[in-house]
Amino acid sequence: MKAKILLSVMMSTVLLLAPCAFAQRAGQDHDALARFQNALKRDGFDVTPGAAETFNPAADYCAEKPGVTSALYNNRAPYLHLLVPKLAQAQEAQQLVESFQLRPDEAIVLIGPTPPSVKYFGYYAFLSTRFLYTKEFPDGKRTELLANLGDTVNNATVKTLGSTPFDRTVALIFTPDKGTDARIREALLRAGYPEAIINTVVFPASMLNLGHTATAD
């Protein structure tokens, strides 16, 4: 019985990210956010909080930050990256990680402002690691890739309200599944978010080994 309950809880998961500093923007008030979470829960989703933090690999490398082995290719532009719960359940939901696994019935939702006026901004997804089988490792070995995954949503393609893409409220859905995307879009609309600000960053399922197994991407 306990295992069945666990499975039902994990059937669908949404990570919700909404920077509090911008919670009073038009279309992004606390009430709308609460309505969105409630709409998701009524549709059978578990909703777990995430976070966003600044990302500066060059500075981290120069500061000899533990675990940082490279400055990567960095043009010194400002970056943010998302931290998501390792899993949706209890203790695991408290563990925020930057590299995560995802099932087709799961998604990450980011609601917040786009950057101020800049030459370029984009929302990127990367394939961090993959379990590969080679002659040297016939039983398989997790290998770091850090490969750009799919198309980006950027200042030329992002859907927002107004005549400029900068400093505008936007909702982004990161998911590999059309059905999951459709359900989350419907929840956003029921909560009062306009369709014109909803974007999807596709995790192409055909390119990924989805799931929470030891050998999934």
N, C-alpha and C. Protein backbone atom coordinates (compact mmCIF):
# COMPACT_ATOMS: atom_id res chain seq x y z
N MET A 1 0.83 -1.20 0.00
CA MET A 1 0.00 0.00 0.00
C MET A 1 0.87 1.26 0.00
N LYS A 2 1.91 1.25 0.79
CA LYS A 2 2.77 2.43 0.88
C LYS A 2 3.40 2.74 -0.47
N ALA A 3 3.84 1.68 -1.18
CA ALA A 3 4.46 1.89 -2.49
C ALA A 3 3.46 2.48 -3.48
N LYS A 4 2.20 2.03 -3.42
CA LYS A 4 1.18 2.54 -4.34
C LYS A 4 0.90 4.02 -4.06
N ILE A 5 0.85 4.39 -2.79
CA ILE A 5 0.64 5.79 -2.44
C ILE A 5 1.79 6.63 -2.97
N LEU A 6 3.01 6.12 -2.84
CA LEU A 6 4.19 6.83 -3.31
C LEU A 6 4.11 7.06 -4.82
N LEU A 7 3.68 6.03 -5.54
CA LEU A 7 3.55 6.16 -6.99
C LEU A 7 2.52 7.21 -7.36
N SER A 8 1.40 7.22 -6.66
CA SER A 8 0.35 8.17 -7.01
C SER A 8 0.80 9.60 -6.73
N VAL A 9 1.58 9.79 -5.68
CA VAL A 9 2.09 11.12 -5.37
C VAL A 9 3.04 11.60 -6.46
N MET A 10 3.80 10.67 -7.04
CA MET A 10 4.81 11.05 -8.01
C MET A 10 4.30 11.05 -9.45
N MET A 11 3.02 10.82 -9.64
CA MET A 11 2.50 10.76 -11.01
C MET A 11 2.80 12.02 -11.80
N SER A 12 2.66 13.16 -11.19
CA SER A 12 2.93 14.41 -11.89
C SER A 12 3.55 15.40 -10.93
N THR A 13 4.53 16.12 -11.41
CA THR A 13 5.22 17.08 -10.56
C THR A 13 5.49 18.35 -11.32
N VAL A 14 5.30 19.47 -10.68
CA VAL A 14 5.67 20.76 -11.25
C VAL A 14 6.54 21.49 -10.24
N LEU A 15 7.67 21.96 -10.71
CA LEU A 15 8.48 22.85 -9.89
C LEU A 15 8.08 24.27 -10.23
N LEU A 16 7.77 25.06 -9.23
CA LEU A 16 7.33 26.43 -9.45
C LEU A 16 8.39 27.40 -8.96
N LEU A 17 8.83 28.28 -9.85
CA LEU A 17 9.81 29.31 -9.50
C LEU A 17 9.20 30.66 -9.80
N ALA A 18 9.13 31.52 -8.79
CA ALA A 18 8.59 32.86 -9.00
C ALA A 18 9.32 33.82 -8.08
N PRO A 19 10.25 34.61 -8.59
CA PRO A 19 11.03 35.52 -7.74
C PRO A 19 10.12 36.46 -6.95
N CYS A 20 10.25 36.42 -5.61
CA CYS A 20 9.38 37.21 -4.74
C CYS A 20 9.55 38.71 -4.94
N ALA A 21 10.73 39.13 -5.35
CA ALA A 21 11.01 40.56 -5.49
C ALA A 21 10.12 41.19 -6.55
N PHE A 22 9.57 40.38 -7.43
CA PHE A 22 8.77 40.92 -8.53
C PHE A 22 7.32 40.46 -8.42
N ALA A 23 6.92 40.05 -7.23
CA ALA A 23 5.60 39.44 -7.07
C ALA A 23 4.45 40.41 -7.31
N GLN A 24 4.69 41.72 -7.23
CA GLN A 24 3.60 42.68 -7.40
C GLN A 24 3.47 43.19 -8.83
N ARG A 25 4.24 42.64 -9.76
CA ARG A 25 4.10 43.08 -11.15
C ARG A 25 2.72 42.70 -11.68
N ALA A 26 2.27 43.47 -12.67
CA ALA A 26 0.98 43.18 -13.29
C ALA A 26 0.98 41.75 -13.82
N GLY A 27 -0.04 41.00 -13.50
CA GLY A 27 -0.14 39.63 -13.97
C GLY A 27 0.68 38.66 -13.16
N GLN A 28 1.39 39.14 -12.12
CA GLN A 28 2.20 38.24 -11.32
C GLN A 28 2.06 38.55 -9.84
N ASP A 29 0.85 38.75 -9.37
CA ASP A 29 0.64 39.04 -7.96
C ASP A 29 0.54 37.74 -7.18
N HIS A 30 0.53 37.87 -5.85
CA HIS A 30 0.48 36.69 -4.99
C HIS A 30 -0.79 35.89 -5.23
N ASP A 31 -1.91 36.57 -5.46
CA ASP A 31 -3.17 35.86 -5.67
C ASP A 31 -3.13 35.00 -6.92
N ALA A 32 -2.57 35.55 -8.00
CA ALA A 32 -2.47 34.78 -9.25
C ALA A 32 -1.58 33.56 -9.06
N LEU A 33 -0.49 33.74 -8.33
CA LEU A 33 0.42 32.63 -8.08
C LEU A 33 -0.27 31.55 -7.25
N ALA A 34 -1.02 31.96 -6.24
CA ALA A 34 -1.75 30.99 -5.41
C ALA A 34 -2.81 30.27 -6.24
N ARG A 35 -3.52 31.01 -7.11
CA ARG A 35 -4.53 30.38 -7.96
C ARG A 35 -3.89 29.36 -8.90
N PHE A 36 -2.72 29.69 -9.42
CA PHE A 36 -2.01 28.78 -10.31
C PHE A 36 -1.63 27.50 -9.58
N GLN A 37 -1.06 27.63 -8.39
CA GLN A 37 -0.69 26.45 -7.62
C GLN A 37 -1.91 25.59 -7.30
N ASN A 38 -3.01 26.23 -6.93
CA ASN A 38 -4.23 25.48 -6.62
C ASN A 38 -4.78 24.78 -7.85
N ALA A 39 -4.72 25.44 -9.00
CA ALA A 39 -5.20 24.83 -10.24
C ALA A 39 -4.36 23.60 -10.59
N LEU A 40 -3.06 23.69 -10.37
CA LEU A 40 -2.19 22.54 -10.63
C LEU A 40 -2.51 21.38 -9.69
N LYS A 41 -2.70 21.69 -8.42
CA LYS A 41 -3.00 20.64 -7.44
C LYS A 41 -4.33 19.96 -7.76
N ARG A 42 -5.32 20.74 -8.18
CA ARG A 42 -6.62 20.14 -8.55
C ARG A 42 -6.49 19.22 -9.75
N ASP A 43 -5.49 19.49 -10.59
CA ASP A 43 -5.27 18.66 -11.77
C ASP A 43 -4.36 17.46 -11.47
N GLY A 44 -3.97 17.30 -10.21
CA GLY A 44 -3.20 16.12 -9.82
C GLY A 44 -1.70 16.33 -9.74
N PHE A 45 -1.24 17.56 -9.92
CA PHE A 45 0.19 17.84 -9.83
C PHE A 45 0.62 18.03 -8.38
N ASP A 46 1.83 17.62 -8.08
CA ASP A 46 2.52 18.05 -6.87
C ASP A 46 3.28 19.31 -7.22
N VAL A 47 3.22 20.30 -6.37
CA VAL A 47 3.90 21.57 -6.61
C VAL A 47 4.98 21.75 -5.55
N THR A 48 6.21 21.87 -5.97
CA THR A 48 7.33 22.01 -5.04
C THR A 48 8.15 23.24 -5.41
N PRO A 49 8.64 23.99 -4.42
CA PRO A 49 9.35 25.25 -4.71
C PRO A 49 10.79 25.02 -5.17
N GLY A 50 11.28 25.94 -5.95
CA GLY A 50 12.67 25.93 -6.37
C GLY A 50 13.30 27.28 -6.08
N ALA A 51 14.38 27.58 -6.75
CA ALA A 51 15.08 28.85 -6.53
C ALA A 51 15.88 29.20 -7.77
N ALA A 52 16.35 30.44 -7.81
CA ALA A 52 17.25 30.89 -8.87
C ALA A 52 18.43 31.58 -8.20
N GLU A 53 19.63 31.38 -8.75
CA GLU A 53 20.80 32.01 -8.16
C GLU A 53 21.74 32.48 -9.26
N THR A 54 22.60 33.44 -8.92
CA THR A 54 23.59 33.92 -9.88
C THR A 54 24.59 32.81 -10.18
N PHE A 55 25.12 32.83 -11.38
CA PHE A 55 26.05 31.79 -11.84
C PHE A 55 27.22 32.47 -12.51
N ASN A 56 28.39 32.34 -11.93
CA ASN A 56 29.60 32.96 -12.47
C ASN A 56 30.74 31.96 -12.39
N PRO A 57 30.84 31.05 -13.37
CA PRO A 57 31.85 29.97 -13.29
C PRO A 57 33.28 30.48 -13.28
N ALA A 58 33.55 31.59 -13.96
CA ALA A 58 34.91 32.12 -13.96
C ALA A 58 35.32 32.58 -12.56
N ALA A 59 34.42 33.32 -11.90
CA ALA A 59 34.71 33.78 -10.54
C ALA A 59 34.81 32.61 -9.57
N ASP A 60 33.94 31.62 -9.73
CA ASP A 60 33.98 30.44 -8.85
C ASP A 60 35.30 29.69 -9.02
N TYR A 61 35.76 29.57 -10.26
CA TYR A 61 37.01 28.86 -10.52
C TYR A 61 38.20 29.62 -9.93
N CYS A 62 38.22 30.94 -10.13
CA CYS A 62 39.32 31.75 -9.59
C CYS A 62 39.32 31.74 -8.06
N ALA A 63 38.13 31.62 -7.48
CA ALA A 63 38.02 31.59 -6.03
C ALA A 63 38.25 30.18 -5.47
N GLU A 64 38.54 29.24 -6.38
CA GLU A 64 38.78 27.85 -5.98
C GLU A 64 37.61 27.28 -5.19
N LYS A 65 36.41 27.56 -5.66
CA LYS A 65 35.21 27.04 -5.03
C LYS A 65 35.21 25.52 -5.08
N PRO A 66 34.91 24.84 -3.98
CA PRO A 66 34.91 23.37 -3.97
C PRO A 66 34.04 22.78 -5.06
N GLY A 67 34.57 21.81 -5.77
CA GLY A 67 33.84 21.12 -6.82
C GLY A 67 33.89 21.79 -8.17
N VAL A 68 34.43 23.02 -8.26
CA VAL A 68 34.53 23.72 -9.54
C VAL A 68 35.90 23.42 -10.16
N THR A 69 35.91 22.72 -11.26
CA THR A 69 37.16 22.29 -11.89
C THR A 69 37.47 23.04 -13.18
N SER A 70 36.57 23.94 -13.60
CA SER A 70 36.78 24.65 -14.85
C SER A 70 36.04 25.98 -14.80
N ALA A 71 36.57 26.98 -15.51
CA ALA A 71 35.88 28.26 -15.64
C ALA A 71 34.88 28.22 -16.78
N LEU A 72 34.84 27.10 -17.52
CA LEU A 72 33.97 26.94 -18.68
C LEU A 72 34.28 28.03 -19.71
N TYR A 73 33.47 28.09 -20.74
CA TYR A 73 33.62 29.17 -21.73
C TYR A 73 32.65 30.26 -21.31
N ASN A 74 33.17 31.33 -20.79
CA ASN A 74 32.31 32.33 -20.16
C ASN A 74 32.66 33.71 -20.68
N ASN A 75 31.65 34.44 -21.16
CA ASN A 75 31.90 35.78 -21.71
C ASN A 75 31.67 36.89 -20.70
N ARG A 76 31.60 36.51 -19.42
CA ARG A 76 31.46 37.46 -18.32
C ARG A 76 30.10 38.16 -18.32
N ALA A 77 29.16 37.65 -19.09
CA ALA A 77 27.80 38.19 -19.03
C ALA A 77 27.13 37.68 -17.75
N PRO A 78 26.14 38.40 -17.22
CA PRO A 78 25.44 37.92 -16.01
C PRO A 78 24.58 36.70 -16.32
N TYR A 79 24.65 35.71 -15.45
CA TYR A 79 23.86 34.49 -15.62
C TYR A 79 23.06 34.21 -14.35
N LEU A 80 21.92 33.57 -14.54
CA LEU A 80 21.18 32.94 -13.45
C LEU A 80 21.00 31.49 -13.83
N HIS A 81 21.02 30.59 -12.85
CA HIS A 81 20.57 29.24 -13.15
C HIS A 81 19.58 28.78 -12.11
N LEU A 82 18.76 27.81 -12.53
CA LEU A 82 17.66 27.35 -11.70
C LEU A 82 18.10 26.20 -10.81
N LEU A 83 17.65 26.21 -9.58
CA LEU A 83 17.85 25.10 -8.65
C LEU A 83 16.50 24.44 -8.43
N VAL A 84 16.45 23.14 -8.64
CA VAL A 84 15.18 22.42 -8.57
C VAL A 84 15.26 21.31 -7.53
N PRO A 85 14.12 20.89 -6.96
CA PRO A 85 14.14 19.77 -6.01
C PRO A 85 14.64 18.50 -6.68
N LYS A 86 15.44 17.75 -5.92
CA LYS A 86 15.96 16.49 -6.46
C LYS A 86 14.81 15.57 -6.85
N LEU A 87 13.81 15.47 -5.97
CA LEU A 87 12.57 14.77 -6.24
C LEU A 87 11.45 15.54 -5.56
N ALA A 88 10.22 15.17 -5.86
CA ALA A 88 9.08 15.95 -5.35
C ALA A 88 8.73 15.63 -3.91
N GLN A 89 9.22 14.52 -3.39
CA GLN A 89 8.75 14.07 -2.09
C GLN A 89 9.54 14.64 -0.93
N ALA A 90 8.82 14.88 0.17
CA ALA A 90 9.31 15.26 1.49
C ALA A 90 10.77 15.68 1.53
N GLN A 91 11.65 14.82 2.05
CA GLN A 91 13.05 15.19 2.26
C GLN A 91 13.74 15.55 0.95
N GLU A 92 13.48 14.80 -0.10
CA GLU A 92 14.13 15.05 -1.38
C GLU A 92 13.72 16.41 -1.94
N ALA A 93 12.49 16.85 -1.65
CA ALA A 93 12.01 18.13 -2.17
C ALA A 93 12.77 19.29 -1.56
N GLN A 94 13.43 19.07 -0.43
CA GLN A 94 14.19 20.13 0.21
C GLN A 94 15.59 20.26 -0.36
N GLN A 95 16.02 19.26 -1.13
CA GLN A 95 17.36 19.27 -1.69
C GLN A 95 17.33 19.91 -3.08
N LEU A 96 17.77 21.14 -3.17
CA LEU A 96 17.77 21.84 -4.45
C LEU A 96 19.07 21.57 -5.19
N VAL A 97 18.95 21.18 -6.44
CA VAL A 97 20.11 20.82 -7.25
C VAL A 97 20.05 21.57 -8.58
N GLU A 98 21.21 21.76 -9.20
CA GLU A 98 21.25 22.43 -10.49
C GLU A 98 21.20 21.44 -11.65
N SER A 99 21.55 20.19 -11.39
CA SER A 99 21.48 19.14 -12.40
C SER A 99 20.43 18.15 -11.95
N PHE A 100 19.41 17.92 -12.77
CA PHE A 100 18.23 17.18 -12.32
C PHE A 100 17.78 16.18 -13.37
N GLN A 101 16.91 15.27 -12.96
CA GLN A 101 16.28 14.33 -13.88
C GLN A 101 14.80 14.67 -13.98
N LEU A 102 14.20 14.30 -15.11
CA LEU A 102 12.81 14.69 -15.37
C LEU A 102 12.09 13.56 -16.09
N ARG A 103 10.83 13.35 -15.68
CA ARG A 103 9.95 12.43 -16.39
C ARG A 103 9.06 13.21 -17.35
N PRO A 104 8.41 12.51 -18.31
CA PRO A 104 7.52 13.22 -19.24
C PRO A 104 6.35 13.92 -18.55
N ASP A 105 5.90 13.42 -17.39
CA ASP A 105 4.76 14.04 -16.71
C ASP A 105 5.21 15.09 -15.71
N GLU A 106 6.44 15.58 -15.83
CA GLU A 106 6.97 16.60 -14.94
C GLU A 106 7.40 17.84 -15.74
N ALA A 107 7.52 18.94 -15.03
CA ALA A 107 7.90 20.19 -15.68
C ALA A 107 8.51 21.14 -14.66
N ILE A 108 9.20 22.12 -15.17
CA ILE A 108 9.68 23.25 -14.38
C ILE A 108 8.96 24.48 -14.91
N VAL A 109 8.40 25.27 -14.02
CA VAL A 109 7.70 26.49 -14.42
C VAL A 109 8.40 27.69 -13.79
N LEU A 110 8.78 28.62 -14.63
CA LEU A 110 9.45 29.85 -14.17
C LEU A 110 8.55 31.03 -14.49
N ILE A 111 8.17 31.79 -13.46
CA ILE A 111 7.36 32.99 -13.65
C ILE A 111 8.13 34.16 -13.09
N GLY A 112 8.39 35.16 -13.91
CA GLY A 112 9.17 36.30 -13.44
C GLY A 112 9.43 37.28 -14.56
N PRO A 113 10.22 38.31 -14.28
CA PRO A 113 10.50 39.32 -15.30
C PRO A 113 11.62 38.90 -16.24
N THR A 114 11.54 39.32 -17.47
CA THR A 114 12.68 39.17 -18.38
C THR A 114 13.76 40.18 -17.97
N PRO A 115 14.99 40.02 -18.47
CA PRO A 115 16.05 40.97 -18.12
C PRO A 115 15.75 42.38 -18.61
N PRO A 116 16.43 43.38 -18.05
CA PRO A 116 16.31 44.75 -18.57
C PRO A 116 16.92 44.83 -19.96
N SER A 117 16.88 45.99 -20.57
CA SER A 117 17.34 46.15 -21.94
C SER A 117 18.81 45.74 -22.09
N VAL A 118 19.04 44.74 -22.92
CA VAL A 118 20.38 44.23 -23.22
C VAL A 118 20.43 43.86 -24.69
N LYS A 119 21.64 43.59 -25.19
CA LYS A 119 21.74 43.18 -26.59
C LYS A 119 21.12 41.81 -26.82
N TYR A 120 21.24 40.93 -25.81
CA TYR A 120 20.73 39.57 -25.99
C TYR A 120 20.46 38.93 -24.63
N PHE A 121 19.39 38.16 -24.56
CA PHE A 121 19.19 37.24 -23.44
C PHE A 121 18.53 35.98 -23.97
N GLY A 122 18.71 34.89 -23.26
CA GLY A 122 18.10 33.63 -23.67
C GLY A 122 17.91 32.70 -22.49
N TYR A 123 16.96 31.78 -22.63
CA TYR A 123 16.70 30.75 -21.63
C TYR A 123 17.14 29.42 -22.23
N TYR A 124 18.20 28.84 -21.68
CA TYR A 124 18.82 27.65 -22.26
C TYR A 124 18.64 26.43 -21.37
N ALA A 125 18.56 25.28 -22.00
CA ALA A 125 18.60 24.00 -21.30
C ALA A 125 19.84 23.24 -21.78
N PHE A 126 20.50 22.55 -20.86
CA PHE A 126 21.70 21.80 -21.19
C PHE A 126 21.56 20.35 -20.72
N LEU A 127 22.08 19.45 -21.54
CA LEU A 127 22.21 18.06 -21.14
C LEU A 127 23.51 17.93 -20.37
N SER A 128 23.41 17.74 -19.07
CA SER A 128 24.59 17.78 -18.19
C SER A 128 25.41 16.50 -18.28
N THR A 129 24.78 15.36 -18.03
CA THR A 129 25.51 14.08 -18.06
C THR A 129 24.66 13.01 -18.72
N ARG A 130 25.33 11.98 -19.22
CA ARG A 130 24.64 10.83 -19.82
C ARG A 130 25.39 9.56 -19.44
N PHE A 131 24.63 8.51 -19.23
CA PHE A 131 25.21 7.21 -18.93
C PHE A 131 25.57 6.54 -20.25
N LEU A 132 26.88 6.38 -20.51
CA LEU A 132 27.37 5.86 -21.78
C LEU A 132 28.05 4.51 -21.61
N TYR A 133 27.87 3.67 -22.63
CA TYR A 133 28.51 2.36 -22.65
C TYR A 133 29.60 2.37 -23.71
N THR A 134 30.82 2.04 -23.33
CA THR A 134 31.96 2.05 -24.25
C THR A 134 32.77 0.77 -24.05
N LYS A 135 33.77 0.58 -24.93
CA LYS A 135 34.64 -0.59 -24.78
C LYS A 135 35.40 -0.54 -23.45
N GLU A 136 35.76 0.69 -23.06
CA GLU A 136 36.50 0.86 -21.81
C GLU A 136 35.61 0.63 -20.60
N PHE A 137 34.32 0.99 -20.74
CA PHE A 137 33.36 0.83 -19.64
C PHE A 137 32.13 0.08 -20.17
N PRO A 138 32.27 -1.25 -20.36
CA PRO A 138 31.16 -2.03 -20.93
C PRO A 138 29.91 -2.04 -20.05
N ASP A 139 30.07 -1.80 -18.75
CA ASP A 139 28.92 -1.75 -17.85
C ASP A 139 28.34 -0.35 -17.73
N GLY A 140 28.94 0.57 -18.45
CA GLY A 140 28.43 1.93 -18.46
C GLY A 140 29.10 2.84 -17.45
N LYS A 141 29.13 4.12 -17.79
CA LYS A 141 29.71 5.13 -16.90
C LYS A 141 29.03 6.46 -17.17
N ARG A 142 28.68 7.18 -16.11
CA ARG A 142 28.08 8.51 -16.28
C ARG A 142 29.16 9.48 -16.75
N THR A 143 28.87 10.17 -17.87
CA THR A 143 29.85 11.03 -18.53
C THR A 143 29.32 12.45 -18.64
N GLU A 144 30.15 13.42 -18.31
CA GLU A 144 29.75 14.82 -18.40
C GLU A 144 29.74 15.27 -19.86
N LEU A 145 28.66 15.92 -20.28
CA LEU A 145 28.51 16.39 -21.65
C LEU A 145 28.38 17.92 -21.72
N LEU A 146 27.48 18.47 -20.93
CA LEU A 146 27.16 19.90 -20.95
C LEU A 146 26.88 20.36 -22.38
N ALA A 147 25.91 19.70 -23.00
CA ALA A 147 25.55 19.99 -24.39
C ALA A 147 24.26 20.79 -24.43
N ASN A 148 24.24 21.83 -25.27
CA ASN A 148 23.04 22.63 -25.44
C ASN A 148 21.90 21.75 -25.95
N LEU A 149 20.73 21.90 -25.35
CA LEU A 149 19.63 20.97 -25.62
C LEU A 149 18.45 21.71 -26.23
N GLY A 150 18.18 21.44 -27.50
CA GLY A 150 17.00 22.02 -28.14
C GLY A 150 17.14 23.51 -28.43
N ASP A 151 16.02 24.12 -28.80
CA ASP A 151 16.00 25.53 -29.17
C ASP A 151 15.83 26.40 -27.92
N THR A 152 16.44 27.58 -27.96
CA THR A 152 16.32 28.51 -26.86
C THR A 152 15.17 29.48 -27.09
N VAL A 153 14.61 29.98 -26.01
CA VAL A 153 13.70 31.13 -26.07
C VAL A 153 14.54 32.35 -25.75
N ASN A 154 14.58 33.31 -26.66
CA ASN A 154 15.44 34.48 -26.45
C ASN A 154 14.67 35.77 -26.69
N ASN A 155 15.38 36.92 -26.67
CA ASN A 155 14.69 38.21 -26.78
C ASN A 155 14.03 38.41 -28.15
N ALA A 156 14.41 37.61 -29.14
CA ALA A 156 13.77 37.72 -30.46
C ALA A 156 12.54 36.82 -30.58
N THR A 157 12.42 35.83 -29.70
CA THR A 157 11.33 34.86 -29.84
C THR A 157 10.40 34.79 -28.63
N VAL A 158 10.78 35.38 -27.50
CA VAL A 158 9.99 35.26 -26.29
C VAL A 158 8.62 35.94 -26.45
N LYS A 159 7.60 35.32 -25.88
CA LYS A 159 6.25 35.88 -25.90
C LYS A 159 6.03 36.70 -24.63
N THR A 160 5.76 37.98 -24.81
CA THR A 160 5.49 38.88 -23.69
C THR A 160 4.40 39.86 -24.10
N LEU A 161 3.96 40.67 -23.16
CA LEU A 161 3.03 41.76 -23.45
C LEU A 161 3.81 43.05 -23.66
N GLY A 162 3.38 43.88 -24.60
CA GLY A 162 4.03 45.16 -24.82
C GLY A 162 4.90 45.17 -26.05
N SER A 163 5.52 46.31 -26.30
CA SER A 163 6.29 46.51 -27.52
C SER A 163 7.75 46.10 -27.38
N THR A 164 8.18 45.72 -26.19
CA THR A 164 9.56 45.33 -25.96
C THR A 164 9.60 44.03 -25.18
N PRO A 165 10.62 43.18 -25.39
CA PRO A 165 10.72 41.94 -24.63
C PRO A 165 11.42 42.12 -23.29
N PHE A 166 11.88 43.34 -22.99
CA PHE A 166 12.70 43.57 -21.80
C PHE A 166 11.86 44.00 -20.60
N ASP A 167 12.25 43.47 -19.44
CA ASP A 167 11.61 43.84 -18.18
C ASP A 167 10.10 43.61 -18.24
N ARG A 168 9.72 42.46 -18.79
CA ARG A 168 8.31 42.09 -18.92
C ARG A 168 8.05 40.78 -18.20
N THR A 169 6.87 40.66 -17.63
CA THR A 169 6.51 39.40 -16.97
C THR A 169 6.37 38.29 -18.01
N VAL A 170 6.94 37.13 -17.68
CA VAL A 170 6.92 36.01 -18.60
C VAL A 170 6.73 34.73 -17.80
N ALA A 171 6.07 33.76 -18.41
CA ALA A 171 5.93 32.42 -17.82
C ALA A 171 6.57 31.44 -18.79
N LEU A 172 7.48 30.63 -18.27
CA LEU A 172 8.18 29.65 -19.09
C LEU A 172 7.93 28.25 -18.53
N ILE A 173 7.57 27.33 -19.42
CA ILE A 173 7.34 25.94 -19.06
C ILE A 173 8.45 25.10 -19.68
N PHE A 174 9.22 24.43 -18.85
CA PHE A 174 10.28 23.54 -19.33
C PHE A 174 9.77 22.11 -19.17
N THR A 175 9.55 21.42 -20.29
CA THR A 175 9.00 20.06 -20.21
C THR A 175 9.29 19.29 -21.49
N PRO A 176 9.31 17.94 -21.42
CA PRO A 176 9.50 17.14 -22.63
C PRO A 176 8.19 16.65 -23.25
N ASP A 177 7.05 17.01 -22.67
CA ASP A 177 5.80 16.37 -23.07
C ASP A 177 4.73 17.38 -23.43
N LYS A 178 4.09 17.21 -24.59
CA LYS A 178 3.04 18.13 -25.05
C LYS A 178 1.83 18.11 -24.12
N GLY A 179 1.46 16.93 -23.63
CA GLY A 179 0.32 16.84 -22.75
C GLY A 179 0.55 17.56 -21.43
N THR A 180 1.74 17.40 -20.87
CA THR A 180 2.09 18.11 -19.64
C THR A 180 2.07 19.62 -19.88
N ASP A 181 2.63 20.03 -21.00
CA ASP A 181 2.64 21.45 -21.35
C ASP A 181 1.23 22.01 -21.45
N ALA A 182 0.34 21.26 -22.09
CA ALA A 182 -1.04 21.72 -22.26
C ALA A 182 -1.75 21.87 -20.92
N ARG A 183 -1.53 20.94 -20.01
CA ARG A 183 -2.18 21.00 -18.70
C ARG A 183 -1.69 22.21 -17.89
N ILE A 184 -0.40 22.47 -17.97
CA ILE A 184 0.14 23.60 -17.22
C ILE A 184 -0.32 24.92 -17.84
N ARG A 185 -0.38 24.99 -19.16
CA ARG A 185 -0.90 26.19 -19.81
C ARG A 185 -2.34 26.47 -19.37
N GLU A 186 -3.15 25.42 -19.30
CA GLU A 186 -4.54 25.59 -18.88
C GLU A 186 -4.60 26.10 -17.45
N ALA A 187 -3.73 25.60 -16.57
CA ALA A 187 -3.70 26.06 -15.19
C ALA A 187 -3.28 27.53 -15.11
N LEU A 188 -2.32 27.93 -15.93
CA LEU A 188 -1.90 29.33 -15.97
C LEU A 188 -3.05 30.23 -16.41
N LEU A 189 -3.79 29.80 -17.42
CA LEU A 189 -4.91 30.60 -17.92
C LEU A 189 -6.01 30.71 -16.86
N ARG A 190 -6.30 29.61 -16.18
CA ARG A 190 -7.33 29.64 -15.14
C ARG A 190 -6.92 30.56 -13.99
N ALA A 191 -5.62 30.69 -13.77
CA ALA A 191 -5.13 31.55 -12.69
C ALA A 191 -5.13 33.02 -13.08
N GLY A 192 -5.36 33.32 -14.37
CA GLY A 192 -5.42 34.71 -14.81
C GLY A 192 -4.20 35.20 -15.56
N TYR A 193 -3.23 34.32 -15.80
CA TYR A 193 -2.07 34.73 -16.59
C TYR A 193 -2.46 34.76 -18.07
N PRO A 194 -2.14 35.82 -18.79
CA PRO A 194 -2.53 35.90 -20.19
C PRO A 194 -1.74 34.93 -21.06
N GLU A 195 -2.41 34.37 -22.05
CA GLU A 195 -1.76 33.42 -22.95
C GLU A 195 -0.54 34.05 -23.64
N ALA A 196 -0.58 35.36 -23.83
CA ALA A 196 0.48 36.05 -24.58
C ALA A 196 1.83 36.02 -23.87
N ILE A 197 1.89 35.64 -22.58
CA ILE A 197 3.18 35.61 -21.89
C ILE A 197 3.68 34.19 -21.65
N ILE A 198 2.93 33.19 -22.14
CA ILE A 198 3.29 31.79 -21.85
C ILE A 198 4.20 31.25 -22.95
N ASN A 199 5.35 30.73 -22.54
CA ASN A 199 6.35 30.17 -23.46
C ASN A 199 6.69 28.75 -23.02
N THR A 200 7.11 27.94 -23.98
CA THR A 200 7.58 26.59 -23.66
C THR A 200 9.02 26.42 -24.12
N VAL A 201 9.87 25.97 -23.21
CA VAL A 201 11.23 25.57 -23.54
C VAL A 201 11.20 24.04 -23.62
N VAL A 202 11.35 23.51 -24.81
CA VAL A 202 11.15 22.08 -25.04
C VAL A 202 12.40 21.29 -24.67
N PHE A 203 12.21 20.26 -23.84
CA PHE A 203 13.24 19.24 -23.65
C PHE A 203 12.90 18.12 -24.64
N PRO A 204 13.59 18.04 -25.79
CA PRO A 204 13.19 17.08 -26.83
C PRO A 204 13.29 15.64 -26.36
N ALA A 205 12.13 14.99 -26.19
CA ALA A 205 12.09 13.65 -25.63
C ALA A 205 12.85 12.64 -26.48
N SER A 206 12.86 12.84 -27.80
CA SER A 206 13.54 11.88 -28.68
C SER A 206 15.06 11.90 -28.50
N MET A 207 15.58 12.96 -27.89
CA MET A 207 17.01 13.08 -27.68
C MET A 207 17.44 12.69 -26.26
N LEU A 208 16.48 12.36 -25.40
CA LEU A 208 16.78 12.19 -23.99
C LEU A 208 16.40 10.82 -23.46
N ASN A 209 17.13 10.39 -22.44
CA ASN A 209 16.76 9.23 -21.65
C ASN A 209 16.09 9.76 -20.39
N LEU A 210 14.76 9.86 -20.44
CA LEU A 210 14.01 10.51 -19.37
C LEU A 210 13.78 9.55 -18.20
N GLY A 211 13.51 10.12 -17.04
CA GLY A 211 13.18 9.32 -15.88
C GLY A 211 14.10 9.58 -14.70
N HIS A 212 13.84 8.86 -13.60
CA HIS A 212 14.61 9.05 -12.38
C HIS A 212 15.50 7.84 -12.06
N THR A 213 15.81 7.03 -13.07
CA THR A 213 16.62 5.83 -12.84
C THR A 213 18.10 6.20 -12.78
N ALA A 214 18.90 5.24 -12.36
CA ALA A 214 20.35 5.46 -12.22
C ALA A 214 21.02 5.72 -13.57
N THR A 215 20.40 5.29 -14.67
CA THR A 215 21.03 5.46 -15.98
C THR A 215 20.34 6.54 -16.84
N ALA A 216 19.36 7.26 -16.26
CA ALA A 216 18.67 8.31 -17.02
C ALA A 216 19.56 9.55 -17.11
N ASP A 217 19.29 10.41 -18.13
CA ASP A 217 20.06 11.65 -18.29
C ASP A 217 19.83 12.57 -17.10
